[in-house]
PDB file of N, CA and C in Angstrom:
ATOM      1  N   MET A   1      46.541 318.914 131.276  1.00  0.00           N
ATOM      2  CA  MET A   1      46.909 319.987 132.188  1.00  0.00           C
ATOM      3  C   MET A   1      48.314 319.685 132.716  1.00  0.00           C
ATOM      4  N   SER A   2      49.197 320.627 132.537  1.00  0.00           N
ATOM      5  CA  SER A   2      50.577 320.441 132.984  1.00  0.00           C
ATOM      6  C   SER A   2      50.699 320.733 134.478  1.00  0.00           C
ATOM      7  N   LEU A   3      51.807 320.316 135.064  1.00  0.00           N
ATOM      8  CA  LEU A   3      52.059 320.581 136.477  1.00  0.00           C
ATOM      9  C   LEU A   3      52.101 322.085 136.733  1.00  0.00           C
ATOM     10  N   ALA A   4      52.699 322.833 135.836  1.00  0.00           N
ATOM     11  CA  ALA A   4      52.766 324.294 136.003  1.00  0.00           C
ATOM     12  C   ALA A   4      51.368 324.908 135.997  1.00  0.00           C
ATOM     13  N   GLU A   5      50.496 324.413 135.134  1.00  0.00           N
ATOM     14  CA  GLU A   5      49.116 324.908 135.081  1.00  0.00           C
ATOM     15  C   GLU A   5      48.351 324.559 136.351  1.00  0.00           C
ATOM     16  N   ILE A   6      48.591 323.356 136.854  1.00  0.00           N
ATOM     17  CA  ILE A   6      47.939 322.926 138.093  1.00  0.00           C
ATOM     18  C   ILE A   6      48.390 323.814 139.244  1.00  0.00           C
ATOM     19  N   GLU A   7      49.691 324.025 139.375  1.00  0.00           N
ATOM     20  CA  GLU A   7      50.219 324.852 140.464  1.00  0.00           C
ATOM     21  C   GLU A   7      49.688 326.285 140.368  1.00  0.00           C
ATOM     22  N   ALA A   8      49.631 326.837 139.167  1.00  0.00           N
ATOM     23  CA  ALA A   8      49.135 328.197 138.996  1.00  0.00           C
ATOM     24  C   ALA A   8      47.664 328.303 139.375  1.00  0.00           C
ATOM     25  N   ALA A   9      46.899 327.259 139.115  1.00  0.00           N
ATOM     26  CA  ALA A   9      45.458 327.283 139.378  1.00  0.00           C
ATOM     27  C   ALA A   9      45.135 327.333 140.858  1.00  0.00           C
ATOM     28  N   TRP A  10      45.980 326.789 141.715  1.00  0.00           N
ATOM     29  CA  TRP A  10      45.632 326.808 143.134  1.00  0.00           C
ATOM     30  C   TRP A  10      46.522 327.705 143.985  1.00  0.00           C
ATOM     31  N   GLN A  11      47.210 328.626 143.353  1.00  0.00           N
ATOM     32  CA  GLN A  11      48.025 329.568 144.119  1.00  0.00           C
ATOM     33  C   GLN A  11      47.150 330.465 144.984  1.00  0.00           C
ATOM     34  N   VAL A  12      47.615 330.704 146.182  1.00  0.00           N
ATOM     35  CA  VAL A  12      46.931 331.574 147.134  1.00  0.00           C
ATOM     36  C   VAL A  12      47.939 332.635 147.568  1.00  0.00           C
ATOM     37  N   ASP A  13      47.623 333.890 147.329  1.00  0.00           N
ATOM     38  CA  ASP A  13      48.512 334.993 147.685  1.00  0.00           C
ATOM     39  C   ASP A  13      49.916 334.792 147.121  1.00  0.00           C
ATOM     40  N   GLY A  14      49.999 334.304 145.891  1.00  0.00           N
ATOM     41  CA  GLY A  14      51.285 334.116 145.240  1.00  0.00           C
ATOM     42  C   GLY A  14      52.054 332.887 145.685  1.00  0.00           C
ATOM     43  N   GLN A  15      51.503 332.129 146.599  1.00  0.00           N
ATOM     44  CA  GLN A  15      52.164 330.925 147.099  1.00  0.00           C
ATOM     45  C   GLN A  15      51.373 329.694 146.640  1.00  0.00           C
ATOM     46  N   THR A  16      52.065 328.583 146.472  1.00  0.00           N
ATOM     47  CA  THR A  16      51.406 327.341 146.103  1.00  0.00           C
ATOM     48  C   THR A  16      51.384 326.429 147.326  1.00  0.00           C
ATOM     49  N   PRO A  17      50.237 326.368 148.025  1.00  0.00           N
ATOM     50  CA  PRO A  17      50.167 325.498 149.195  1.00  0.00           C
ATOM     51  C   PRO A  17      50.196 324.033 148.757  1.00  0.00           C
ATOM     52  N   LEU A  18      50.757 323.204 149.591  1.00  0.00           N
ATOM     53  CA  LEU A  18      50.780 321.779 149.269  1.00  0.00           C
ATOM     54  C   LEU A  18      49.383 321.195 149.419  1.00  0.00           C
ATOM     55  N   PRO A  19      49.002 320.293 148.523  1.00  0.00           N
ATOM     56  CA  PRO A  19      47.731 319.598 148.704  1.00  0.00           C
ATOM     57  C   PRO A  19      47.783 318.800 150.010  1.00  0.00           C
ATOM     58  N   GLU A  20      46.664 318.689 150.672  1.00  0.00           N
ATOM     59  CA  GLU A  20      46.604 317.998 151.961  1.00  0.00           C
ATOM     60  C   GLU A  20      47.069 316.542 151.871  1.00  0.00           C
ATOM     61  N   CYS A  21      46.854 315.891 150.735  1.00  0.00           N
ATOM     62  CA  CYS A  21      47.225 314.474 150.609  1.00  0.00           C
ATOM     63  C   CYS A  21      48.734 314.257 150.655  1.00  0.00           C
ATOM     64  N   THR A  22      49.531 315.311 150.460  1.00  0.00           N
ATOM     65  CA  THR A  22      50.979 315.142 150.504  1.00  0.00           C
ATOM     66  C   THR A  22      51.489 314.939 151.929  1.00  0.00           C
ATOM     67  N   TYR A  23      50.691 315.329 152.905  1.00  0.00           N
ATOM     68  CA  TYR A  23      51.120 315.185 154.301  1.00  0.00           C
ATOM     69  C   TYR A  23      50.964 313.750 154.805  1.00  0.00           C
ATOM     70  N   ASP A  24      49.983 313.027 154.293  1.00  0.00           N
ATOM     71  CA  ASP A  24      49.746 311.641 154.699  1.00  0.00           C
ATOM     72  C   ASP A  24      49.194 310.877 153.494  1.00  0.00           C
ATOM     73  N   PRO A  25      50.059 310.549 152.528  1.00  0.00           N
ATOM     74  CA  PRO A  25      49.574 309.931 151.296  1.00  0.00           C
ATOM     75  C   PRO A  25      48.833 308.609 151.502  1.00  0.00           C
ATOM     76  N   GLU A  26      49.240 307.816 152.486  1.00  0.00           N
ATOM     77  CA  GLU A  26      48.567 306.532 152.705  1.00  0.00           C
ATOM     78  C   GLU A  26      47.119 306.707 153.151  1.00  0.00           C
ATOM     79  N   LEU A  27      46.786 307.859 153.694  1.00  0.00           N
ATOM     80  CA  LEU A  27      45.396 308.136 154.050  1.00  0.00           C
ATOM     81  C   LEU A  27      44.538 308.106 152.787  1.00  0.00           C
ATOM     82  N   HIS A  28      45.078 308.564 151.690  1.00  0.00           N
ATOM     83  CA  HIS A  28      44.332 308.637 150.440  1.00  0.00           C
ATOM     84  C   HIS A  28      44.518 307.416 149.545  1.00  0.00           C
ATOM     85  N   THR A  29      45.607 306.686 149.731  1.00  0.00           N
ATOM     86  CA  THR A  29      45.886 305.543 148.857  1.00  0.00           C
ATOM     87  C   THR A  29      45.719 304.201 149.546  1.00  0.00           C
ATOM     88  N   GLY A  30      45.760 304.184 150.856  1.00  0.00           N
ATOM     89  CA  GLY A  30      45.711 302.931 151.606  1.00  0.00           C
ATOM     90  C   GLY A  30      47.107 302.484 151.977  1.00  0.00           C
ATOM     91  N   PRO A  31      47.193 301.578 152.926  1.00  0.00           N
ATOM     92  CA  PRO A  31      48.514 301.118 153.384  1.00  0.00           C
ATOM     93  C   PRO A  31      49.232 300.317 152.305  1.00  0.00           C
ATOM     94  N   ARG A  32      50.542 300.419 152.299  1.00  0.00           N
ATOM     95  CA  ARG A  32      51.341 299.715 151.289  1.00  0.00           C
ATOM     96  C   ARG A  32      51.699 298.290 151.685  1.00  0.00           C
ATOM     97  N   LEU A  33      51.912 298.070 152.972  1.00  0.00           N
ATOM     98  CA  LEU A  33      52.446 296.781 153.396  1.00  0.00           C
ATOM     99  C   LEU A  33      51.436 295.871 154.084  1.00  0.00           C
ATOM    100  N   THR A  34      50.228 296.346 154.284  1.00  0.00           N
ATOM    101  CA  THR A  34      49.205 295.525 154.929  1.00  0.00           C
ATOM    102  C   THR A  34      47.914 295.592 154.132  1.00  0.00           C
ATOM    103  N   ILE A  35      47.076 294.602 154.373  1.00  0.00           N
ATOM    104  CA  ILE A  35      45.757 294.585 153.744  1.00  0.00           C
ATOM    105  C   ILE A  35      44.761 295.066 154.780  1.00  0.00           C
ATOM    106  N   GLU A  36      43.986 296.087 154.430  1.00  0.00           N
ATOM    107  CA  GLU A  36      43.027 296.612 155.390  1.00  0.00           C
ATOM    108  C   GLU A  36      41.678 295.926 155.232  1.00  0.00           C
ATOM    109  N   THR A  37      40.962 295.845 156.336  1.00  0.00           N
ATOM    110  CA  THR A  37      39.622 295.270 156.307  1.00  0.00           C
ATOM    111  C   THR A  37      38.667 296.271 155.659  1.00  0.00           C
ATOM    112  N   THR A  38      37.486 295.819 155.323  1.00  0.00           N
ATOM    113  CA  THR A  38      36.484 296.707 154.749  1.00  0.00           C
ATOM    114  C   THR A  38      36.173 297.846 155.704  1.00  0.00           C
ATOM    115  N   GLU A  39      36.084 297.538 156.995  1.00  0.00           N
ATOM    116  CA  GLU A  39      35.791 298.568 157.994  1.00  0.00           C
ATOM    117  C   GLU A  39      36.925 299.579 158.084  1.00  0.00           C
ATOM    118  N   GLU A  40      38.157 299.095 158.051  1.00  0.00           N
ATOM    119  CA  GLU A  40      39.317 299.988 158.108  1.00  0.00           C
ATOM    120  C   GLU A  40      39.359 300.896 156.876  1.00  0.00           C
ATOM    121  N   ARG A  41      39.103 300.314 155.699  1.00  0.00           N
ATOM    122  CA  ARG A  41      39.117 301.103 154.472  1.00  0.00           C
ATOM    123  C   ARG A  41      38.007 302.161 154.499  1.00  0.00           C
ATOM    124  N   THR A  42      36.824 301.775 154.949  1.00  0.00           N
ATOM    125  CA  THR A  42      35.712 302.713 155.029  1.00  0.00           C
ATOM    126  C   THR A  42      36.042 303.874 155.960  1.00  0.00           C
ATOM    127  N   ALA A  43      36.639 303.574 157.109  1.00  0.00           N
ATOM    128  CA  ALA A  43      37.011 304.618 158.070  1.00  0.00           C
ATOM    129  C   ALA A  43      38.106 305.517 157.494  1.00  0.00           C
ATOM    130  N   ARG A  44      39.106 304.916 156.854  1.00  0.00           N
ATOM    131  CA  ARG A  44      40.203 305.698 156.260  1.00  0.00           C
ATOM    132  C   ARG A  44      39.660 306.617 155.171  1.00  0.00           C
ATOM    133  N   GLU A  45      38.799 306.095 154.314  1.00  0.00           N
ATOM    134  CA  GLU A  45      38.242 306.902 153.237  1.00  0.00           C
ATOM    135  C   GLU A  45      37.383 308.042 153.776  1.00  0.00           C
ATOM    136  N   ALA A  46      36.682 307.810 154.877  1.00  0.00           N
ATOM    137  CA  ALA A  46      35.874 308.881 155.485  1.00  0.00           C
ATOM    138  C   ALA A  46      36.761 310.023 155.969  1.00  0.00           C
ATOM    139  N   VAL A  47      37.879 309.673 156.591  1.00  0.00           N
ATOM    140  CA  VAL A  47      38.816 310.706 157.059  1.00  0.00           C
ATOM    141  C   VAL A  47      39.437 311.414 155.851  1.00  0.00           C
ATOM    142  N   ALA A  48      39.799 310.665 154.821  1.00  0.00           N
ATOM    143  CA  ALA A  48      40.380 311.276 153.619  1.00  0.00           C
ATOM    144  C   ALA A  48      39.402 312.268 152.994  1.00  0.00           C
ATOM    145  N   ARG A  49      38.122 311.923 152.972  1.00  0.00           N
ATOM    146  CA  ARG A  49      37.099 312.835 152.432  1.00  0.00           C
ATOM    147  C   ARG A  49      37.057 314.139 153.236  1.00  0.00           C
ATOM    148  N   GLU A  50      37.162 314.022 154.555  1.00  0.00           N
ATOM    149  CA  GLU A  50      37.154 315.209 155.412  1.00  0.00           C
ATOM    150  C   GLU A  50      38.369 316.095 155.127  1.00  0.00           C
ATOM    151  N   VAL A  51      39.520 315.461 154.932  1.00  0.00           N
ATOM    152  CA  VAL A  51      40.740 316.210 154.616  1.00  0.00           C
ATOM    153  C   VAL A  51      40.574 316.907 153.263  1.00  0.00           C
ATOM    154  N   CYS A  52      40.035 316.200 152.287  1.00  0.00           N
ATOM    155  CA  CYS A  52      39.841 316.777 150.956  1.00  0.00           C
ATOM    156  C   CYS A  52      38.907 317.981 150.995  1.00  0.00           C
ATOM    157  N   ALA A  53      37.928 317.951 151.861  1.00  0.00           N
ATOM    158  CA  ALA A  53      36.913 319.005 151.907  1.00  0.00           C
ATOM    159  C   ALA A  53      37.508 320.382 152.173  1.00  0.00           C
ATOM    160  N   THR A  54      38.637 320.446 152.874  1.00  0.00           N
ATOM    161  CA  THR A  54      39.249 321.737 153.200  1.00  0.00           C
ATOM    162  C   THR A  54      40.554 321.978 152.451  1.00  0.00           C
ATOM    163  N   CYS A  55      40.879 321.125 151.514  1.00  0.00           N
ATOM    164  CA  CYS A  55      42.151 321.232 150.784  1.00  0.00           C
ATOM    165  C   CYS A  55      42.124 322.397 149.797  1.00  0.00           C
ATOM    166  N   PRO A  56      43.205 323.170 149.740  1.00  0.00           N
ATOM    167  CA  PRO A  56      43.251 324.288 148.791  1.00  0.00           C
ATOM    168  C   PRO A  56      43.298 323.831 147.333  1.00  0.00           C
ATOM    169  N   ALA A  57      43.599 322.576 147.094  1.00  0.00           N
ATOM    170  CA  ALA A  57      43.706 322.062 145.727  1.00  0.00           C
ATOM    171  C   ALA A  57      42.465 321.281 145.298  1.00  0.00           C
ATOM    172  N   LEU A  58      41.385 321.366 146.048  1.00  0.00           N
ATOM    173  CA  LEU A  58      40.195 320.544 145.773  1.00  0.00           C
ATOM    174  C   LEU A  58      39.682 320.723 144.347  1.00  0.00           C
ATOM    175  N   THR A  59      39.525 321.942 143.904  1.00  0.00           N
ATOM    176  CA  THR A  59      38.984 322.180 142.563  1.00  0.00           C
ATOM    177  C   THR A  59      39.915 321.643 141.492  1.00  0.00           C
ATOM    178  N   VAL A  60      41.196 321.904 141.644  1.00  0.00           N
ATOM    179  CA  VAL A  60      42.174 321.432 140.669  1.00  0.00           C
ATOM    180  C   VAL A  60      42.272 319.911 140.719  1.00  0.00           C
ATOM    181  N   CYS A  61      42.220 319.346 141.903  1.00  0.00           N
ATOM    182  CA  CYS A  61      42.277 317.892 142.053  1.00  0.00           C
ATOM    183  C   CYS A  61      41.090 317.237 141.355  1.00  0.00           C
ATOM    184  N   THR A  62      39.922 317.834 141.493  1.00  0.00           N
ATOM    185  CA  THR A  62      38.728 317.296 140.835  1.00  0.00           C
ATOM    186  C   THR A  62      38.925 317.296 139.327  1.00  0.00           C
ATOM    187  N   ARG A  63      39.388 318.412 138.788  1.00  0.00           N
ATOM    188  CA  ARG A  63      39.622 318.502 137.344  1.00  0.00           C
ATOM    189  C   ARG A  63      40.657 317.474 136.887  1.00  0.00           C
ATOM    190  N   TYR A  64      41.733 317.363 137.648  1.00  0.00           N
ATOM    191  CA  TYR A  64      42.796 316.416 137.300  1.00  0.00           C
ATOM    192  C   TYR A  64      42.273 314.972 137.343  1.00  0.00           C
ATOM    193  N   ALA A  65      41.561 314.633 138.393  1.00  0.00           N
ATOM    194  CA  ALA A  65      41.040 313.272 138.526  1.00  0.00           C
ATOM    195  C   ALA A  65      40.034 312.941 137.421  1.00  0.00           C
ATOM    196  N   MET A  66      39.260 313.930 137.002  1.00  0.00           N
ATOM    197  CA  MET A  66      38.316 313.696 135.912  1.00  0.00           C
ATOM    198  C   MET A  66      39.058 313.408 134.606  1.00  0.00           C
ATOM    199  N   GLU A  67      40.217 314.021 134.422  1.00  0.00           N
ATOM    200  CA  GLU A  67      41.017 313.778 133.221  1.00  0.00           C
ATOM    201  C   GLU A  67      41.755 312.451 133.295  1.00  0.00           C
ATOM    202  N   VAL A  68      42.354 312.167 134.444  1.00  0.00           N
ATOM    203  CA  VAL A  68      43.218 311.000 134.598  1.00  0.00           C
ATOM    204  C   VAL A  68      42.430 309.707 134.833  1.00  0.00           C
ATOM    205  N   ARG A  69      41.300 309.829 135.509  1.00  0.00           N
ATOM    206  CA  ARG A  69      40.473 308.673 135.881  1.00  0.00           C
ATOM    207  C   ARG A  69      41.279 307.642 136.673  1.00  0.00           C
ATOM    208  N   PRO A  70      41.635 307.980 137.903  1.00  0.00           N
ATOM    209  CA  PRO A  70      42.480 307.098 138.712  1.00  0.00           C
ATOM    210  C   PRO A  70      41.813 305.744 138.970  1.00  0.00           C
ATOM    211  N   ALA A  71      42.634 304.730 139.160  1.00  0.00           N
ATOM    212  CA  ALA A  71      42.130 303.375 139.400  1.00  0.00           C
ATOM    213  C   ALA A  71      41.991 303.064 140.885  1.00  0.00           C
ATOM    214  N   SER A  72      42.592 303.890 141.740  1.00  0.00           N
ATOM    215  CA  SER A  72      42.513 303.624 143.181  1.00  0.00           C
ATOM    216  C   SER A  72      42.693 304.923 143.942  1.00  0.00           C
ATOM    217  N   GLY A  73      42.418 304.861 145.232  1.00  0.00           N
ATOM    218  CA  GLY A  73      42.633 306.006 146.098  1.00  0.00           C
ATOM    219  C   GLY A  73      41.432 306.924 146.209  1.00  0.00           C
ATOM    220  N   VAL A  74      41.614 307.963 147.026  1.00  0.00           N
ATOM    221  CA  VAL A  74      40.597 308.993 147.211  1.00  0.00           C
ATOM    222  C   VAL A  74      41.107 310.256 146.532  1.00  0.00           C
ATOM    223  N   TRP A  75      40.321 310.774 145.628  1.00  0.00           N
ATOM    224  CA  TRP A  75      40.672 311.955 144.848  1.00  0.00           C
ATOM    225  C   TRP A  75      39.556 312.979 144.999  1.00  0.00           C
ATOM    226  N   ALA A  76      39.895 314.173 145.451  1.00  0.00           N
ATOM    227  CA  ALA A  76      38.915 315.259 145.578  1.00  0.00           C
ATOM    228  C   ALA A  76      37.698 314.810 146.383  1.00  0.00           C
ATOM    229  N   GLY A  77      37.940 313.998 147.391  1.00  0.00           N
ATOM    230  CA  GLY A  77      36.852 313.561 148.251  1.00  0.00           C
ATOM    231  C   GLY A  77      36.024 312.415 147.700  1.00  0.00           C
ATOM    232  N   ARG A  78      36.458 311.812 146.613  1.00  0.00           N
ATOM    233  CA  ARG A  78      35.735 310.681 146.017  1.00  0.00           C
ATOM    234  C   ARG A  78      36.684 309.508 145.828  1.00  0.00           C
ATOM    235  N   THR A  79      36.154 308.302 145.974  1.00  0.00           N
ATOM    236  CA  THR A  79      36.971 307.132 145.672  1.00  0.00           C
ATOM    237  C   THR A  79      37.117 307.038 144.156  1.00  0.00           C
ATOM    238  N   ALA A  80      38.053 306.220 143.719  1.00  0.00           N
ATOM    239  CA  ALA A  80      38.260 306.039 142.285  1.00  0.00           C
ATOM    240  C   ALA A  80      36.988 305.498 141.629  1.00  0.00           C
ATOM    241  N   ALA A  81      36.285 304.596 142.310  1.00  0.00           N
ATOM    242  CA  ALA A  81      35.038 304.040 141.768  1.00  0.00           C
ATOM    243  C   ALA A  81      33.974 305.126 141.640  1.00  0.00           C
ATOM    244  N   GLU A  82      33.864 305.982 142.645  1.00  0.00           N
ATOM    245  CA  GLU A  82      32.897 307.083 142.585  1.00  0.00           C
ATOM    246  C   GLU A  82      33.265 308.060 141.472  1.00  0.00           C
ATOM    247  N   MET A  83      34.541 308.313 141.326  1.00  0.00           N
ATOM    248  CA  MET A  83      35.007 309.215 140.279  1.00  0.00           C
ATOM    249  C   MET A  83      34.669 308.628 138.906  1.00  0.00           C
ATOM    250  N   ALA A  84      34.859 307.328 138.749  1.00  0.00           N
ATOM    251  CA  ALA A  84      34.544 306.671 137.475  1.00  0.00           C
ATOM    252  C   ALA A  84      33.051 306.760 137.181  1.00  0.00           C
ATOM    253  N   ARG A  85      32.214 306.524 138.190  1.00  0.00           N
ATOM    254  CA  ARG A  85      30.761 306.632 137.990  1.00  0.00           C
ATOM    255  C   ARG A  85      30.374 308.054 137.612  1.00  0.00           C
ATOM    256  N   HIS A  86      30.977 309.038 138.274  1.00  0.00           N
ATOM    257  CA  HIS A  86      30.680 310.443 137.976  1.00  0.00           C
ATOM    258  C   HIS A  86      31.092 310.776 136.550  1.00  0.00           C
ATOM    259  N   THR A  87      32.221 310.269 136.121  1.00  0.00           N
ATOM    260  CA  THR A  87      32.711 310.516 134.770  1.00  0.00           C
ATOM    261  C   THR A  87      31.772 309.884 133.752  1.00  0.00           C
ATOM    262  N   ILE A  88      31.347 308.658 134.013  1.00  0.00           N
ATOM    263  CA  ILE A  88      30.433 307.963 133.107  1.00  0.00           C
ATOM    264  C   ILE A  88      29.102 308.712 133.035  1.00  0.00           C
ATOM    265  N   ASP A  89      28.595 309.148 134.194  1.00  0.00           N
ATOM    266  CA  ASP A  89      27.316 309.875 134.238  1.00  0.00           C
ATOM    267  C   ASP A  89      27.384 311.176 133.471  1.00  0.00           C
ATOM    268  N   SER A  90      28.516 311.847 133.485  1.00  0.00           N
ATOM    269  CA  SER A  90      28.622 313.170 132.863  1.00  0.00           C
ATOM    270  C   SER A  90      29.048 313.114 131.391  1.00  0.00           C
ATOM    271  N   GLU A  91      29.432 311.946 130.890  1.00  0.00           N
ATOM    272  CA  GLU A  91      29.905 311.857 129.511  1.00  0.00           C
ATOM    273  C   GLU A  91      28.796 312.140 128.501  1.00  0.00           C
ATOM    274  N   GLY A  92      27.574 311.821 128.827  1.00  0.00           N
ATOM    275  CA  GLY A  92      26.477 312.019 127.884  1.00  0.00           C
ATOM    276  C   GLY A  92      25.888 313.410 127.907  1.00  0.00           C
ATOM    277  N   LEU A  93      26.385 314.285 128.759  1.00  0.00           N
ATOM    278  CA  LEU A  93      25.840 315.638 128.869  1.00  0.00           C
ATOM    279  C   LEU A  93      26.310 316.501 127.711  1.00  0.00           C
ATOM    280  N   GLU A  94      25.404 317.347 127.237  1.00  0.00           N
ATOM    281  CA  GLU A  94      25.759 318.269 126.176  1.00  0.00           C
ATOM    282  C   GLU A  94      26.156 319.605 126.788  1.00  0.00           C
ATOM    283  N   VAL A  95      27.096 320.250 126.142  1.00  0.00           N
ATOM    284  CA  VAL A  95      27.533 321.568 126.584  1.00  0.00           C
ATOM    285  C   VAL A  95      26.742 322.614 125.823  1.00  0.00           C
ATOM    286  N   ALA A  96      26.160 323.554 126.550  1.00  0.00           N
ATOM    287  CA  ALA A  96      25.330 324.594 125.907  1.00  0.00           C
ATOM    288  C   ALA A  96      26.175 325.674 125.307  1.00  0.00           C
TER     289      ALA A  96
END
């Protein structure tokens, strides 16, 4: 999926709203210069999930993350590990 296809997929009223993660990327990826505790990471990921829940790009982000299979961060309300498990679980499904 190209960037142009992604942008076209989430246009609203002819405009392309920015994905919510662009406003605070470290919320979704974690801090760059410090190591967070397990509790801090859990709290950050919970807030990131809440932000993802109302994002205009949620559907497109889910599709993109399923293709890319990110190694870290929160994508479409799921951690990279959760996304990997979901991908593994769905690989054996047959399409009707």
